[in-house]
Amino acid sequence: WKHSHNYIHHQFTNVLGHDNDIGYGVLRMAREQKWHPVNLGQPVYNA
């Protein structure tokens, strides 16, 4: 947690390609991120 949150997230806040908090590797949360058919399941992944 110290690495992923304290270092990466707080150093690279909301930088696409750097901050793991942008979607947590599960959700597409920025229009700049390429769309993939797997994203159709986002409502389920989110729940």
All heavy atoms as atom14 arrays in JSON, in Angstrom:
{
  "sequence": "WKHSHNYIHHQFTNVLGHDNDIGYGVLRMAREQKWHPVNLGQPVYNA",
  "atom14_mask": [
    [1, 1, 1, 1, 1, 1, 1, 1, 1, 1, 1, 1, 1, 1],
    [1, 1, 1, 1, 1, 1, 1, 1, 1, 0, 0, 0, 0, 0],
    [1, 1, 1, 1, 1, 1, 1, 1, 1, 1, 0, 0, 0, 0],
    [1, 1, 1, 1, 1, 1, 0, 0, 0, 0, 0, 0, 0, 0],
    [1, 1, 1, 1, 1, 1, 1, 1, 1, 1, 0, 0, 0, 0],
    [1, 1, 1, 1, 1, 1, 1, 1, 0, 0, 0, 0, 0, 0],
    [1, 1, 1, 1, 1, 1, 1, 1, 1, 1, 1, 1, 0, 0],
    [1, 1, 1, 1, 1, 1, 1, 1, 0, 0, 0, 0, 0, 0],
    [1, 1, 1, 1, 1, 1, 1, 1, 1, 1, 0, 0, 0, 0],
    [1, 1, 1, 1, 1, 1, 1, 1, 1, 1, 0, 0, 0, 0],
    [1, 1, 1, 1, 1, 1, 1, 1, 1, 0, 0, 0, 0, 0],
    [1, 1, 1, 1, 1, 1, 1, 1, 1, 1, 1, 0, 0, 0],
    [1, 1, 1, 1, 1, 1, 1, 0, 0, 0, 0, 0, 0, 0],
    [1, 1, 1, 1, 1, 1, 1, 1, 0, 0, 0, 0, 0, 0],
    [1, 1, 1, 1, 1, 1, 1, 0, 0, 0, 0, 0, 0, 0],
    [1, 1, 1, 1, 1, 1, 1, 1, 0, 0, 0, 0, 0, 0],
    [1, 1, 1, 1, 0, 0, 0, 0, 0, 0, 0, 0, 0, 0],
    [1, 1, 1, 1, 1, 1, 1, 1, 1, 1, 0, 0, 0, 0],
    [1, 1, 1, 1, 1, 1, 1, 1, 0, 0, 0, 0, 0, 0],
    [1, 1, 1, 1, 1, 1, 1, 1, 0, 0, 0, 0, 0, 0],
    [1, 1, 1, 1, 1, 1, 1, 1, 0, 0, 0, 0, 0, 0],
    [1, 1, 1, 1, 1, 1, 1, 1, 0, 0, 0, 0, 0, 0],
    [1, 1, 1, 1, 0, 0, 0, 0, 0, 0, 0, 0, 0, 0],
    [1, 1, 1, 1, 1, 1, 1, 1, 1, 1, 1, 1, 0, 0],
    [1, 1, 1, 1, 0, 0, 0, 0, 0, 0, 0, 0, 0, 0],
    [1, 1, 1, 1, 1, 1, 1, 0, 0, 0, 0, 0, 0, 0],
    [1, 1, 1, 1, 1, 1, 1, 1, 0, 0, 0, 0, 0, 0],
    [1, 1, 1, 1, 1, 1, 1, 1, 1, 1, 1, 0, 0, 0],
    [1, 1, 1, 1, 1, 1, 1, 1, 0, 0, 0, 0, 0, 0],
    [1, 1, 1, 1, 1, 0, 0, 0, 0, 0, 0, 0, 0, 0],
    [1, 1, 1, 1, 1, 1, 1, 1, 1, 1, 1, 0, 0, 0],
    [1, 1, 1, 1, 1, 1, 1, 1, 1, 0, 0, 0, 0, 0],
    [1, 1, 1, 1, 1, 1, 1, 1, 1, 0, 0, 0, 0, 0],
    [1, 1, 1, 1, 1, 1, 1, 1, 1, 0, 0, 0, 0, 0],
    [1, 1, 1, 1, 1, 1, 1, 1, 1, 1, 1, 1, 1, 1],
    [1, 1, 1, 1, 1, 1, 1, 1, 1, 1, 0, 0, 0, 0],
    [1, 1, 1, 1, 1, 1, 1, 0, 0, 0, 0, 0, 0, 0],
    [1, 1, 1, 1, 1, 1, 1, 0, 0, 0, 0, 0, 0, 0],
    [1, 1, 1, 1, 1, 1, 1, 1, 0, 0, 0, 0, 0, 0],
    [1, 1, 1, 1, 1, 1, 1, 1, 0, 0, 0, 0, 0, 0],
    [1, 1, 1, 1, 0, 0, 0, 0, 0, 0, 0, 0, 0, 0],
    [1, 1, 1, 1, 1, 1, 1, 1, 1, 0, 0, 0, 0, 0],
    [1, 1, 1, 1, 1, 1, 1, 0, 0, 0, 0, 0, 0, 0],
    [1, 1, 1, 1, 1, 1, 1, 0, 0, 0, 0, 0, 0, 0],
    [1, 1, 1, 1, 1, 1, 1, 1, 1, 1, 1, 1, 0, 0],
    [1, 1, 1, 1, 1, 1, 1, 1, 0, 0, 0, 0, 0, 0],
    [1, 1, 1, 1, 1, 0, 0, 0, 0, 0, 0, 0, 0, 0]
  ],
  "atom14_positions": [
    [[0.83, -1.2, 0.0], [0.0, 0.0, 0.0], [0.87, 1.25, 0.0], [0.57, 2.23, -0.7], [-0.92, -0.01, 1.21], [-1.81, 1.21, 1.29], [-1.7, 2.25, 2.15], [-2.93, 1.5, 0.45], [-2.67, 3.19, 1.9], [-3.45, 2.74, 0.86], [-3.53, 0.84, -0.61], [-4.54, 3.34, 0.26], [-4.63, 1.44, -1.22], [-5.13, 2.66, -0.78]],
    [[1.96, 1.24, 0.76], [2.86, 2.4, 0.77], [3.4, 2.68, -0.62], [3.59, 3.84, -1.01], [4.01, 2.16, 1.75], [3.62, 2.22, 3.21], [4.81, 1.94, 4.12], [4.42, 2.0, 5.58], [5.57, 1.69, 6.47], [0.0, 0.0, 0.0], [0.0, 0.0, 0.0], [0.0, 0.0, 0.0], [0.0, 0.0, 0.0], [0.0, 0.0, 0.0]],
    [[3.65, 1.62, -1.38], [4.18, 1.81, -2.73], [3.1, 2.28, -3.69], [3.25, 3.3, -4.38], [4.79, 0.49, -3.24], [5.24, 0.56, -4.67], [4.62, -0.16, -5.67], [6.21, 1.27, -5.27], [5.22, 0.1, -6.82], [6.18, 0.96, -6.61], [0.0, 0.0, 0.0], [0.0, 0.0, 0.0], [0.0, 0.0, 0.0], [0.0, 0.0, 0.0]],
    [[1.97, 1.56, -3.74], [0.94, 1.86, -4.74], [0.18, 3.15, -4.45], [-0.22, 3.87, -5.37], [-0.04, 0.7, -4.85], [-0.74, 0.52, -3.63], [0.0, 0.0, 0.0], [0.0, 0.0, 0.0], [0.0, 0.0, 0.0], [0.0, 0.0, 0.0], [0.0, 0.0, 0.0], [0.0, 0.0, 0.0], [0.0, 0.0, 0.0], [0.0, 0.0, 0.0]],
    [[-0.02, 3.45, -3.17], [-0.8, 4.65, -2.81], [0.09, 5.84, -2.47], [0.02, 6.89, -3.1], [-1.73, 4.34, -1.63], [-2.5, 5.52, -1.16], [-2.11, 6.29, -0.08], [-3.65, 6.09, -1.63], [-2.98, 7.27, 0.11], [-3.92, 7.17, -0.82], [0.0, 0.0, 0.0], [0.0, 0.0, 0.0], [0.0, 0.0, 0.0], [0.0, 0.0, 0.0]],
    [[0.96, 5.65, -1.48], [1.76, 6.78, -1.01], [2.77, 7.25, -2.06], [3.0, 8.45, -2.2], [2.52, 6.4, 0.26], [1.58, 6.03, 1.41], [0.38, 5.93, 1.21], [2.13, 5.82, 2.59], [0.0, 0.0, 0.0], [0.0, 0.0, 0.0], [0.0, 0.0, 0.0], [0.0, 0.0, 0.0], [0.0, 0.0, 0.0], [0.0, 0.0, 0.0]],
    [[3.36, 6.31, -2.78], [4.36, 6.69, -3.78], [3.72, 6.96, -5.15], [3.74, 8.08, -5.65], [5.44, 5.62, -3.9], [6.35, 5.83, -5.08], [7.17, 6.96, -5.17], [6.38, 4.91, -6.13], [7.99, 7.17, -6.26], [7.21, 5.11, -7.23], [8.02, 6.24, -7.29], [8.82, 6.44, -8.38], [0.0, 0.0, 0.0], [0.0, 0.0, 0.0]],
    [[3.11, 5.92, -5.74], [2.64, 6.06, -7.13], [1.45, 7.03, -7.22], [1.47, 7.99, -7.99], [2.27, 4.7, -7.71], [3.53, 3.82, -7.84], [1.62, 4.87, -9.09], [3.27, 2.45, -8.4], [0.0, 0.0, 0.0], [0.0, 0.0, 0.0], [0.0, 0.0, 0.0], [0.0, 0.0, 0.0], [0.0, 0.0, 0.0], [0.0, 0.0, 0.0]],
    [[0.4, 6.77, -6.43], [-0.81, 7.58, -6.58], [-0.56, 9.04, -6.2], [-0.99, 9.96, -6.92], [-1.93, 7.0, -5.73], [-3.19, 7.81, -5.74], [-3.83, 8.17, -6.9], [-3.91, 8.36, -4.72], [-4.91, 8.89, -6.6], [-4.96, 9.03, -5.3], [0.0, 0.0, 0.0], [0.0, 0.0, 0.0], [0.0, 0.0, 0.0], [0.0, 0.0, 0.0]],
    [[0.12, 9.27, -5.08], [0.31, 10.66, -4.65], [1.4, 11.37, -5.43], [1.39, 12.61, -5.5], [0.59, 10.71, -3.15], [-0.66, 10.67, -2.33], [-1.47, 11.77, -2.16], [-1.25, 9.67, -1.64], [-2.51, 11.45, -1.41], [-2.41, 10.17, -1.08], [0.0, 0.0, 0.0], [0.0, 0.0, 0.0], [0.0, 0.0, 0.0], [0.0, 0.0, 0.0]],
    [[2.34, 10.66, -6.01], [3.33, 11.3, -6.87], [2.76, 11.59, -8.25], [3.0, 12.64, -8.82], [4.55, 10.39, -7.03], [5.5, 10.43, -5.84], [6.49, 11.58, -5.97], [6.2, 12.63, -6.53], [7.66, 11.39, -5.43], [0.0, 0.0, 0.0], [0.0, 0.0, 0.0], [0.0, 0.0, 0.0], [0.0, 0.0, 0.0], [0.0, 0.0, 0.0]],
    [[2.01, 10.64, -8.81], [1.58, 10.72, -10.2], [0.05, 10.82, -10.28], [-0.58, 10.18, -11.11], [2.08, 9.5, -10.98], [3.57, 9.32, -10.88], [4.11, 8.37, -10.02], [4.43, 10.1, -11.63], [5.49, 8.21, -9.92], [5.8, 9.95, -11.53], [6.34, 9.0, -10.68], [0.0, 0.0, 0.0], [0.0, 0.0, 0.0], [0.0, 0.0, 0.0]],
    [[-0.52, 11.65, -9.43], [-1.97, 11.78, -9.32], [-2.63, 12.04, -10.67], [-2.35, 13.04, -11.33], [-2.33, 12.91, -8.35], [-1.66, 12.7, -7.11], [-3.83, 12.96, -8.12], [0.0, 0.0, 0.0], [0.0, 0.0, 0.0], [0.0, 0.0, 0.0], [0.0, 0.0, 0.0], [0.0, 0.0, 0.0], [0.0, 0.0, 0.0], [0.0, 0.0, 0.0]],
    [[-3.52, 11.12, -11.07], [-4.34, 11.26, -12.28], [-3.53, 11.41, -13.57], [-4.02, 11.98, -14.54], [-5.32, 12.43, -12.13], [-6.62, 12.0, -11.5], [-6.67, 10.99, -10.8], [-7.67, 12.76, -11.72], [0.0, 0.0, 0.0], [0.0, 0.0, 0.0], [0.0, 0.0, 0.0], [0.0, 0.0, 0.0], [0.0, 0.0, 0.0], [0.0, 0.0, 0.0]],
    [[-2.3, 10.89, -13.59], [-1.52, 10.88, -14.82], [-1.77, 9.56, -15.53], [-1.44, 8.49, -15.02], [-0.01, 11.07, -14.54], [0.77, 11.04, -15.86], [0.24, 12.38, -13.82], [0.0, 0.0, 0.0], [0.0, 0.0, 0.0], [0.0, 0.0, 0.0], [0.0, 0.0, 0.0], [0.0, 0.0, 0.0], [0.0, 0.0, 0.0], [0.0, 0.0, 0.0]],
    [[-2.35, 9.63, -16.71], [-2.69, 8.43, -17.47], [-1.44, 7.62, -17.79], [-0.44, 8.16, -18.25], [-3.41, 8.82, -18.76], [-4.8, 9.45, -18.57], [-5.21, 10.22, -19.8], [-5.82, 8.39, -18.22], [0.0, 0.0, 0.0], [0.0, 0.0, 0.0], [0.0, 0.0, 0.0], [0.0, 0.0, 0.0], [0.0, 0.0, 0.0], [0.0, 0.0, 0.0]],
    [[-1.52, 6.33, -17.53], [-0.39, 5.46, -17.77], [0.53, 5.33, -16.57], [1.43, 4.49, -16.57], [0.0, 0.0, 0.0], [0.0, 0.0, 0.0], [0.0, 0.0, 0.0], [0.0, 0.0, 0.0], [0.0, 0.0, 0.0], [0.0, 0.0, 0.0], [0.0, 0.0, 0.0], [0.0, 0.0, 0.0], [0.0, 0.0, 0.0], [0.0, 0.0, 0.0]],
    [[0.31, 6.15, -15.54], [1.16, 6.13, -14.36], [0.38, 5.81, -13.09], [0.84, 5.04, -12.25], [1.87, 7.48, -14.18], [2.94, 7.75, -15.19], [4.26, 7.47, -14.98], [2.86, 8.26, -16.44], [4.97, 7.8, -16.04], [4.13, 8.29, -16.95], [0.0, 0.0, 0.0], [0.0, 0.0, 0.0], [0.0, 0.0, 0.0], [0.0, 0.0, 0.0]],
    [[-0.78, 6.42, -12.93], [-1.56, 6.3, -11.7], [-2.49, 5.1, -11.77], [-3.43, 5.07, -12.57], [-2.37, 7.59, -11.48], [-3.1, 7.6, -10.15], [-2.97, 6.63, -9.38], [-3.81, 8.59, -9.88], [0.0, 0.0, 0.0], [0.0, 0.0, 0.0], [0.0, 0.0, 0.0], [0.0, 0.0, 0.0], [0.0, 0.0, 0.0], [0.0, 0.0, 0.0]],
    [[-2.25, 4.1, -10.92], [-3.07, 2.88, -10.92], [-4.5, 3.14, -10.44], [-5.38, 2.29, -10.62], [-2.43, 1.82, -10.04], [-1.13, 1.3, -10.61], [-0.89, 1.4, -11.81], [-0.27, 0.77, -9.77], [0.0, 0.0, 0.0], [0.0, 0.0, 0.0], [0.0, 0.0, 0.0], [0.0, 0.0, 0.0], [0.0, 0.0, 0.0], [0.0, 0.0, 0.0]],
    [[-4.74, 4.27, -9.78], [-6.08, 4.56, -9.27], [-7.07, 4.91, -10.38], [-8.28, 4.95, -10.13], [-6.03, 5.71, -8.26], [-5.63, 5.23, -6.87], [-4.76, 4.36, -6.79], [-6.2, 5.72, -5.88], [0.0, 0.0, 0.0], [0.0, 0.0, 0.0], [0.0, 0.0, 0.0], [0.0, 0.0, 0.0], [0.0, 0.0, 0.0], [0.0, 0.0, 0.0]],
    [[-6.6, 5.2, -11.57], [-7.51, 5.52, -12.67], [-8.09, 4.21, -13.18], [-7.58, 3.58, -14.11], [-6.79, 6.28, -13.8], [-6.13, 7.55, -13.26], [-7.8, 6.65, -14.9], [-5.35, 8.33, -14.31], [0.0, 0.0, 0.0], [0.0, 0.0, 0.0], [0.0, 0.0, 0.0], [0.0, 0.0, 0.0], [0.0, 0.0, 0.0], [0.0, 0.0, 0.0]],
    [[-9.15, 3.76, -12.54], [-9.84, 2.55, -12.94], [-9.38, 1.29, -12.25], [-9.99, 0.23, -12.43], [0.0, 0.0, 0.0], [0.0, 0.0, 0.0], [0.0, 0.0, 0.0], [0.0, 0.0, 0.0], [0.0, 0.0, 0.0], [0.0, 0.0, 0.0], [0.0, 0.0, 0.0], [0.0, 0.0, 0.0], [0.0, 0.0, 0.0], [0.0, 0.0, 0.0]],
    [[-8.31, 1.36, -11.47], [-7.83, 0.2, -10.7], [-7.54, -1.01, -11.57], [-7.61, -2.14, -11.11], [-8.84, -0.16, -9.6], [-9.05, 0.95, -8.6], [-10.05, 1.9, -8.82], [-8.25, 1.06, -7.47], [-10.24, 2.95, -7.91], [-8.43, 2.11, -6.57], [-9.43, 3.04, -6.8], [-9.61, 4.07, -5.91], [0.0, 0.0, 0.0], [0.0, 0.0, 0.0]],
    [[-7.24, -0.78, -12.84], [-6.97, -1.91, -13.72], [-8.22, -2.66, -14.15], [-8.13, -3.66, -14.85], [0.0, 0.0, 0.0], [0.0, 0.0, 0.0], [0.0, 0.0, 0.0], [0.0, 0.0, 0.0], [0.0, 0.0, 0.0], [0.0, 0.0, 0.0], [0.0, 0.0, 0.0], [0.0, 0.0, 0.0], [0.0, 0.0, 0.0], [0.0, 0.0, 0.0]],
    [[-9.38, -2.18, -13.75], [-10.65, -2.86, -14.02], [-11.58, -2.0, -14.86], [-12.26, -2.48, -15.77], [-11.35, -3.26, -12.7], [-12.68, -3.93, -12.98], [-10.45, -4.16, -11.86], [0.0, 0.0, 0.0], [0.0, 0.0, 0.0], [0.0, 0.0, 0.0], [0.0, 0.0, 0.0], [0.0, 0.0, 0.0], [0.0, 0.0, 0.0], [0.0, 0.0, 0.0]],
    [[-11.63, -0.7, -14.57], [-12.58, 0.21, -15.2], [-11.88, 1.19, -16.14], [-10.74, 1.6, -15.88], [-13.35, 1.0, -14.14], [-14.1, 0.2, -13.08], [-14.69, 1.13, -12.02], [-15.2, -0.64, -13.71], [0.0, 0.0, 0.0], [0.0, 0.0, 0.0], [0.0, 0.0, 0.0], [0.0, 0.0, 0.0], [0.0, 0.0, 0.0], [0.0, 0.0, 0.0]],
    [[-12.54, 1.56, -17.2], [-12.08, 2.63, -18.09], [-12.67, 3.94, -17.57], [-13.88, 4.14, -17.6], [-12.55, 2.36, -19.52], [-12.16, 3.44, -20.54], [-12.61, 3.01, -21.94], [-12.26, 4.02, -22.94], [-13.15, 4.81, -23.55], [-14.45, 4.69, -23.28], [-12.75, 5.69, -24.45], [0.0, 0.0, 0.0], [0.0, 0.0, 0.0], [0.0, 0.0, 0.0]],
    [[-11.82, 4.84, -17.06], [-12.32, 6.03, -16.39], [-11.91, 7.33, -17.08], [-12.13, 8.41, -16.55], [-11.82, 6.05, -14.94], [-12.37, 4.93, -14.09], [-14.18, 4.88, -14.02], [-14.56, 6.46, -13.3], [0.0, 0.0, 0.0], [0.0, 0.0, 0.0], [0.0, 0.0, 0.0], [0.0, 0.0, 0.0], [0.0, 0.0, 0.0], [0.0, 0.0, 0.0]],
    [[-11.31, 7.25, -18.27], [-10.93, 8.45, -19.02], [-11.16, 8.2, -20.5], [-10.88, 7.11, -21.0], [-9.46, 8.81, -18.77], [0.0, 0.0, 0.0], [0.0, 0.0, 0.0], [0.0, 0.0, 0.0], [0.0, 0.0, 0.0], [0.0, 0.0, 0.0], [0.0, 0.0, 0.0], [0.0, 0.0, 0.0], [0.0, 0.0, 0.0], [0.0, 0.0, 0.0]],
    [[-11.64, 9.2, -21.2], [-11.94, 9.05, -22.63], [-10.66, 8.84, -23.43], [-10.7, 8.32, -24.54], [-12.7, 10.28, -23.14], [-14.05, 10.49, -22.47], [-14.8, 11.67, -23.05], [-15.35, 11.39, -24.36], [-16.52, 10.8, -24.58], [-17.27, 10.38, -23.57], [-16.95, 10.59, -25.81], [0.0, 0.0, 0.0], [0.0, 0.0, 0.0], [0.0, 0.0, 0.0]],
    [[-9.51, 9.26, -22.86], [-8.24, 9.06, -23.56], [-7.81, 7.59, -23.55], [-6.96, 7.2, -24.36], [-7.13, 9.91, -22.91], [-7.34, 11.41, -23.03], [-8.22, 11.98, -21.94], [-8.76, 11.19, -21.12], [-8.37, 13.21, -21.87], [0.0, 0.0, 0.0], [0.0, 0.0, 0.0], [0.0, 0.0, 0.0], [0.0, 0.0, 0.0], [0.0, 0.0, 0.0]],
    [[-8.35, 6.8, -22.65], [-8.0, 5.38, -22.6], [-8.71, 4.65, -23.74], [-9.9, 4.84, -23.96], [-8.41, 4.78, -21.25], [-7.6, 5.31, -20.08], [-8.13, 4.8, -18.75], [-9.3, 4.94, -18.45], [-7.25, 4.21, -17.96], [0.0, 0.0, 0.0], [0.0, 0.0, 0.0], [0.0, 0.0, 0.0], [0.0, 0.0, 0.0], [0.0, 0.0, 0.0]],
    [[-7.97, 3.83, -24.45], [-8.55, 3.1, -25.57], [-9.69, 2.2, -25.11], [-9.6, 1.55, -24.08], [-7.47, 2.26, -26.25], [-6.44, 3.08, -27.03], [-5.44, 2.18, -27.74], [-4.44, 3.0, -28.53], [-3.44, 2.15, -29.2], [0.0, 0.0, 0.0], [0.0, 0.0, 0.0], [0.0, 0.0, 0.0], [0.0, 0.0, 0.0], [0.0, 0.0, 0.0]],
    [[-10.76, 2.2, -25.91], [-11.9, 1.36, -25.59], [-11.64, -0.06, -26.09], [-11.01, -0.28, -27.12], [-13.17, 1.92, -26.24], [-14.39, 1.1, -25.95], [-15.19, 1.2, -24.84], [-14.94, 0.05, -26.75], [-16.2, 0.27, -24.91], [-16.08, -0.46, -26.07], [-14.58, -0.51, -27.97], [-16.86, -1.48, -26.57], [-15.34, -1.54, -28.48], [-16.48, -2.02, -27.78]],
    [[-12.14, -1.03, -25.34], [-12.06, -2.45, -25.71], [-13.41, -3.07, -25.42], [-14.11, -2.65, -24.47], [-10.95, -3.14, -24.9], [-10.65, -4.54, -25.34], [-11.4, -5.62, -24.92], [-9.69, -5.02, -26.18], [-10.91, -6.72, -25.48], [-9.87, -6.39, -26.23], [0.0, 0.0, 0.0], [0.0, 0.0, 0.0], [0.0, 0.0, 0.0], [0.0, 0.0, 0.0]],
    [[-13.85, -4.06, -26.2], [-15.16, -4.67, -25.94], [-15.35, -5.16, -24.51], [-16.49, -5.2, -24.01], [-15.18, -5.85, -26.92], [-14.33, -5.4, -28.06], [-13.23, -4.58, -27.45], [0.0, 0.0, 0.0], [0.0, 0.0, 0.0], [0.0, 0.0, 0.0], [0.0, 0.0, 0.0], [0.0, 0.0, 0.0], [0.0, 0.0, 0.0], [0.0, 0.0, 0.0]],
    [[-14.25, -5.49, -23.82], [-14.38, -5.94, -22.43], [-14.96, -4.85, -21.55], [-15.56, -5.14, -20.5], [-13.0, -6.41, -21.9], [-12.09, -5.22, -21.63], [-13.16, -7.25, -20.63], [0.0, 0.0, 0.0], [0.0, 0.0, 0.0], [0.0, 0.0, 0.0], [0.0, 0.0, 0.0], [0.0, 0.0, 0.0], [0.0, 0.0, 0.0], [0.0, 0.0, 0.0]],
    [[-14.84, -3.57, -21.99], [-15.38, -2.46, -21.19], [-16.9, -2.45, -21.14], [-17.49, -1.76, -20.29], [-14.89, -1.13, -21.74], [-13.39, -0.95, -21.61], [-12.69, -0.7, -22.6], [-12.88, -1.09, -20.41], [0.0, 0.0, 0.0], [0.0, 0.0, 0.0], [0.0, 0.0, 0.0], [0.0, 0.0, 0.0], [0.0, 0.0, 0.0], [0.0, 0.0, 0.0]],
    [[-17.56, -3.2, -22.03], [-19.02, -3.27, -21.99], [-19.51, -3.81, -20.66], [-20.65, -3.55, -20.25], [-19.53, -4.14, -23.13], [-19.36, -3.58, -24.55], [-19.71, -4.63, -25.59], [-20.24, -2.33, -24.74], [0.0, 0.0, 0.0], [0.0, 0.0, 0.0], [0.0, 0.0, 0.0], [0.0, 0.0, 0.0], [0.0, 0.0, 0.0], [0.0, 0.0, 0.0]],
    [[-18.68, -4.57, -19.97], [-19.06, -5.14, -18.69], [-18.82, -4.23, -17.5], [-18.97, -4.66, -16.35], [0.0, 0.0, 0.0], [0.0, 0.0, 0.0], [0.0, 0.0, 0.0], [0.0, 0.0, 0.0], [0.0, 0.0, 0.0], [0.0, 0.0, 0.0], [0.0, 0.0, 0.0], [0.0, 0.0, 0.0], [0.0, 0.0, 0.0], [0.0, 0.0, 0.0]],
    [[-18.48, -2.96, -17.76], [-18.15, -2.06, -16.65], [-19.23, -1.95, -15.57], [-18.89, -1.9, -14.38], [-17.79, -0.66, -17.17], [-16.38, -0.6, -17.68], [-15.78, 0.81, -17.72], [-14.63, 0.93, -18.02], [-16.52, 1.85, -17.43], [0.0, 0.0, 0.0], [0.0, 0.0, 0.0], [0.0, 0.0, 0.0], [0.0, 0.0, 0.0], [0.0, 0.0, 0.0]],
    [[-20.51, -1.89, -15.91], [-21.51, -1.82, -14.84], [-21.41, -3.01, -13.88], [-21.57, -2.85, -12.67], [-22.84, -1.82, -15.6], [-22.51, -1.23, -16.93], [-21.13, -1.73, -17.25], [0.0, 0.0, 0.0], [0.0, 0.0, 0.0], [0.0, 0.0, 0.0], [0.0, 0.0, 0.0], [0.0, 0.0, 0.0], [0.0, 0.0, 0.0], [0.0, 0.0, 0.0]],
    [[-21.11, -4.19, -14.42], [-20.96, -5.38, -13.57], [-19.66, -5.31, -12.77], [-19.64, -5.56, -11.57], [-20.98, -6.66, -14.42], [-20.73, -7.89, -13.55], [-22.31, -6.79, -15.16], [0.0, 0.0, 0.0], [0.0, 0.0, 0.0], [0.0, 0.0, 0.0], [0.0, 0.0, 0.0], [0.0, 0.0, 0.0], [0.0, 0.0, 0.0], [0.0, 0.0, 0.0]],
    [[-18.55, -4.94, -13.44], [-17.27, -4.83, -12.74], [-17.36, -3.81, -11.61], [-16.81, -4.02, -10.52], [-16.15, -4.39, -13.7], [-16.05, -5.13, -14.99], [-15.55, -4.51, -16.13], [-16.46, -6.46, -15.1], [-15.45, -5.18, -17.34], [-16.37, -7.14, -16.31], [-15.88, -6.49, -17.43], [-15.8, -7.15, -18.61], [0.0, 0.0, 0.0], [0.0, 0.0, 0.0]],
    [[-18.06, -2.71, -11.89], [-18.18, -1.65, -10.89], [-18.94, -2.14, -9.66], [-18.55, -1.87, -8.52], [-18.9, -0.45, -11.51], [-19.07, 0.68, -10.52], [-18.12, 1.24, -10.01], [-20.32, 1.04, -10.25], [0.0, 0.0, 0.0], [0.0, 0.0, 0.0], [0.0, 0.0, 0.0], [0.0, 0.0, 0.0], [0.0, 0.0, 0.0], [0.0, 0.0, 0.0]],
    [[-20.04, -2.87, -9.89], [-20.83, -3.4, -8.76], [-20.01, -4.39, -7.94], [-20.05, -4.38, -6.7], [-22.1, -4.05, -9.29], [0.0, 0.0, 0.0], [0.0, 0.0, 0.0], [0.0, 0.0, 0.0], [0.0, 0.0, 0.0], [0.0, 0.0, 0.0], [0.0, 0.0, 0.0], [0.0, 0.0, 0.0], [0.0, 0.0, 0.0], [0.0, 0.0, 0.0]]
  ]
}
